N, C-alpha and C. Protein backbone atom coordinates (compact mmCIF):
# COMPACT_ATOMS: atom_id res chain seq x y z
N MET A 1 -7.62 167.07 -137.63
CA MET A 1 -6.59 168.14 -137.75
C MET A 1 -5.99 168.83 -136.42
N GLY A 2 -4.62 168.90 -136.21
CA GLY A 2 -4.11 169.08 -134.96
C GLY A 2 -3.87 170.63 -135.49
N GLY A 3 -4.29 171.99 -134.21
CA GLY A 3 -3.75 172.74 -134.55
C GLY A 3 -2.14 173.63 -133.87
N THR A 4 -2.08 174.83 -134.31
CA THR A 4 -0.69 174.87 -133.90
C THR A 4 -0.30 175.22 -132.31
N ILE A 5 0.85 174.45 -131.60
CA ILE A 5 1.19 174.50 -130.74
C ILE A 5 1.56 175.98 -129.88
N THR A 6 1.04 176.85 -129.23
CA THR A 6 1.05 177.96 -128.58
C THR A 6 2.56 178.22 -127.57
N ASP A 7 2.62 176.97 -126.89
CA ASP A 7 3.33 176.69 -125.82
C ASP A 7 3.62 175.63 -125.25
N ARG A 8 4.77 175.79 -124.42
CA ARG A 8 5.31 174.36 -123.50
C ARG A 8 5.74 174.30 -122.34
N GLN A 9 4.98 173.94 -121.31
CA GLN A 9 6.28 173.89 -119.96
C GLN A 9 6.40 172.68 -119.85
N ASN A 10 7.77 173.05 -118.85
CA ASN A 10 8.26 171.83 -118.35
C ASN A 10 8.53 172.02 -116.92
N ILE A 11 7.99 171.58 -115.98
CA ILE A 11 7.89 172.11 -114.32
C ILE A 11 8.36 170.94 -113.69
N LYS A 12 9.18 171.49 -112.61
CA LYS A 12 9.87 170.78 -111.60
C LYS A 12 9.52 171.02 -110.52
N ASP A 13 8.77 170.49 -109.41
CA ASP A 13 9.37 171.14 -107.73
C ASP A 13 9.24 169.77 -107.11
N PRO A 14 10.68 169.40 -106.80
CA PRO A 14 11.47 168.35 -106.24
C PRO A 14 10.45 168.42 -104.38
N ILE A 15 10.51 169.46 -104.14
CA ILE A 15 10.22 169.73 -102.65
C ILE A 15 8.74 169.17 -102.26
N ASN A 16 8.20 169.70 -103.55
CA ASN A 16 6.27 169.35 -103.78
C ASN A 16 6.22 167.23 -104.19
N GLY A 17 7.30 166.70 -104.80
CA GLY A 17 7.50 165.70 -105.47
C GLY A 17 6.65 166.14 -106.34
N PHE A 18 6.59 167.06 -107.69
CA PHE A 18 5.49 167.01 -108.86
C PHE A 18 6.56 167.54 -109.45
N ALA A 19 6.60 166.87 -111.21
CA ALA A 19 7.00 167.39 -112.10
C ALA A 19 6.28 167.03 -113.33
N GLY A 20 6.43 167.96 -114.16
CA GLY A 20 5.36 167.67 -115.46
C GLY A 20 5.60 167.97 -117.26
N GLU A 21 5.70 167.62 -117.97
CA GLU A 21 5.81 168.64 -119.31
C GLU A 21 4.81 168.90 -119.82
N TYR A 22 3.91 169.83 -120.50
CA TYR A 22 3.01 170.31 -120.75
C TYR A 22 3.10 171.13 -122.39
N VAL A 23 1.85 170.45 -123.05
CA VAL A 23 1.81 171.16 -124.58
C VAL A 23 0.32 172.02 -124.99
N PHE A 24 0.88 173.15 -124.98
CA PHE A 24 -0.86 174.11 -124.89
C PHE A 24 -0.75 174.19 -126.43
N ASN A 25 -2.60 174.15 -126.88
CA ASN A 25 -3.13 173.89 -128.09
C ASN A 25 -4.49 174.28 -127.94
N SER A 26 -5.12 173.54 -129.41
CA SER A 26 -6.67 173.83 -129.63
C SER A 26 -7.05 172.17 -129.92
N ALA A 27 -8.44 172.10 -129.45
CA ALA A 27 -8.39 170.40 -130.25
C ALA A 27 -9.96 170.77 -130.18
N THR A 28 -10.46 169.64 -130.62
CA THR A 28 -12.09 169.75 -131.25
C THR A 28 -12.17 167.86 -130.87
N MET A 29 -13.55 167.82 -131.14
CA MET A 29 -13.58 166.21 -131.22
C MET A 29 -14.82 165.88 -131.34
N VAL A 30 -14.91 164.17 -131.65
CA VAL A 30 -16.36 164.02 -132.05
C VAL A 30 -16.16 162.86 -130.97
N TRP A 31 -17.71 162.25 -130.77
CA TRP A 31 -17.64 160.89 -129.68
C TRP A 31 -18.87 159.88 -129.95
N THR A 32 -18.86 158.88 -129.35
CA THR A 32 -19.97 159.23 -129.57
C THR A 32 -19.39 157.69 -128.34
N ALA A 33 -20.99 156.98 -127.26
CA ALA A 33 -20.80 156.12 -126.73
C ALA A 33 -22.32 155.11 -126.47
N ASN A 34 -22.33 154.31 -125.76
CA ASN A 34 -23.32 153.45 -125.51
C ASN A 34 -23.70 152.79 -123.78
N GLU A 35 -24.67 152.30 -124.22
CA GLU A 35 -24.87 151.82 -122.99
C GLU A 35 -25.15 150.29 -123.06
N PRO A 36 -24.93 149.52 -123.38
CA PRO A 36 -25.44 148.17 -123.77
C PRO A 36 -26.77 147.14 -122.73
N ASN A 37 -25.80 147.59 -121.83
CA ASN A 37 -26.17 146.76 -120.57
C ASN A 37 -27.07 147.90 -119.63
N ARG A 38 -27.04 148.81 -120.22
CA ARG A 38 -28.14 149.82 -119.25
C ARG A 38 -29.56 149.08 -118.55
N PRO A 39 -30.01 148.80 -117.48
CA PRO A 39 -31.37 148.34 -117.40
C PRO A 39 -32.92 148.86 -118.13
N GLN A 40 -33.39 147.95 -118.51
CA GLN A 40 -34.93 148.08 -118.71
C GLN A 40 -35.42 149.39 -118.02
N VAL A 41 -35.45 148.93 -116.72
CA VAL A 41 -36.19 150.06 -115.83
C VAL A 41 -35.85 151.72 -116.29
N TRP A 42 -34.45 151.64 -116.88
CA TRP A 42 -34.42 153.00 -117.50
C TRP A 42 -34.19 153.00 -118.89
N GLY A 43 -35.51 152.34 -119.21
CA GLY A 43 -35.46 152.43 -121.01
C GLY A 43 -34.51 151.85 -121.79
N GLY A 44 -33.52 150.69 -121.48
CA GLY A 44 -32.68 149.84 -121.88
C GLY A 44 -31.49 150.58 -122.45
N PRO A 45 -30.87 149.96 -123.70
CA PRO A 45 -29.83 150.24 -124.10
C PRO A 45 -29.88 152.01 -124.42
N ALA A 46 -28.78 152.64 -124.69
CA ALA A 46 -28.79 153.78 -124.18
C ALA A 46 -27.35 154.74 -125.67
N MET A 47 -27.64 155.76 -126.40
CA MET A 47 -26.95 155.63 -127.45
C MET A 47 -26.41 157.36 -127.43
N TYR A 48 -25.01 157.80 -127.17
CA TYR A 48 -25.00 159.24 -126.87
C TYR A 48 -23.83 159.47 -127.86
N VAL A 49 -24.27 160.97 -128.74
CA VAL A 49 -23.18 161.02 -129.78
C VAL A 49 -23.57 162.33 -129.58
N SER A 50 -22.15 162.74 -130.03
CA SER A 50 -21.65 164.65 -130.16
C SER A 50 -22.21 164.97 -131.22
N ASP A 51 -22.38 166.17 -131.11
CA ASP A 51 -22.51 167.21 -131.99
C ASP A 51 -21.35 167.41 -133.41
N PRO A 52 -21.29 167.62 -134.90
CA PRO A 52 -20.10 167.32 -135.58
C PRO A 52 -18.96 168.14 -134.87
N ALA A 53 -17.11 167.73 -135.51
CA ALA A 53 -16.30 168.27 -135.23
C ALA A 53 -15.88 170.18 -135.51
N ASN A 54 -17.03 169.85 -136.62
CA ASN A 54 -16.84 171.34 -137.43
C ASN A 54 -18.06 172.41 -136.59
N THR A 55 -18.82 171.86 -135.69
CA THR A 55 -19.61 172.85 -134.86
C THR A 55 -19.32 173.21 -133.75
N SER A 56 -18.05 172.66 -133.06
CA SER A 56 -16.66 172.76 -131.84
C SER A 56 -16.30 174.15 -132.36
N HIS A 57 -15.69 174.85 -130.68
CA HIS A 57 -15.01 175.90 -130.54
C HIS A 57 -13.96 175.69 -129.92
N SER A 58 -12.59 175.54 -129.79
CA SER A 58 -11.74 175.69 -128.81
C SER A 58 -10.86 176.71 -128.41
N ASP A 59 -10.78 177.14 -127.11
CA ASP A 59 -10.70 178.11 -126.56
C ASP A 59 -8.69 177.93 -126.59
N PHE A 60 -8.68 176.00 -125.61
CA PHE A 60 -7.91 176.11 -124.84
C PHE A 60 -7.65 174.16 -125.23
N ALA A 61 -6.09 174.00 -125.28
CA ALA A 61 -6.51 172.88 -124.83
C ALA A 61 -4.86 172.26 -124.54
N MET A 62 -4.55 171.52 -123.93
CA MET A 62 -3.65 171.30 -122.96
C MET A 62 -3.48 169.58 -122.66
N VAL A 63 -2.23 169.02 -123.26
CA VAL A 63 -1.89 167.50 -123.30
C VAL A 63 -0.45 167.62 -122.35
N GLY A 64 -0.53 166.49 -121.63
CA GLY A 64 1.00 166.41 -120.85
C GLY A 64 1.02 165.17 -120.18
N HIS A 65 2.43 165.00 -119.46
CA HIS A 65 2.90 163.74 -118.43
C HIS A 65 3.37 164.35 -117.33
N GLU A 66 2.60 163.52 -116.15
CA GLU A 66 2.94 164.47 -115.54
C GLU A 66 3.74 163.12 -114.27
N ARG A 67 4.81 163.47 -113.66
CA ARG A 67 5.47 162.64 -112.13
C ARG A 67 5.25 163.15 -111.06
N ASN A 68 4.23 162.27 -109.96
CA ASN A 68 4.14 162.73 -108.76
C ASN A 68 4.03 161.43 -107.66
N GLY A 69 4.05 161.65 -105.95
CA GLY A 69 3.74 160.44 -105.52
C GLY A 69 4.96 159.77 -105.41
N VAL A 70 4.53 158.28 -105.71
CA VAL A 70 5.85 157.40 -105.40
C VAL A 70 6.85 157.25 -106.37
N PHE A 71 6.25 158.18 -107.41
CA PHE A 71 8.23 158.53 -108.32
C PHE A 71 8.89 159.41 -108.07
N PHE A 72 8.51 159.63 -107.11
CA PHE A 72 9.51 160.98 -106.19
C PHE A 72 9.76 160.54 -104.74
N HIS A 73 11.39 160.88 -104.42
CA HIS A 73 12.10 160.28 -103.25
C HIS A 73 11.76 161.17 -102.24
N HIS A 74 11.34 160.99 -101.00
CA HIS A 74 10.70 161.67 -100.07
C HIS A 74 11.91 161.88 -98.78
């Protein structure tokens, strides 16, 4: 479930070849990962699991889209 957007920023800096659009919010997540091909010398396949999302606290989250480098003319 998403939180309330707390801020939006649009930044343009053509001198340094950078631009970005950002949204500030909060976020929590649950994740799992595995290593099915982990070498047997390290104990074989491994599985990693996060704690449940309801045990998390979010102070800050930012999602954005940026353009730099080859996308700007010098």
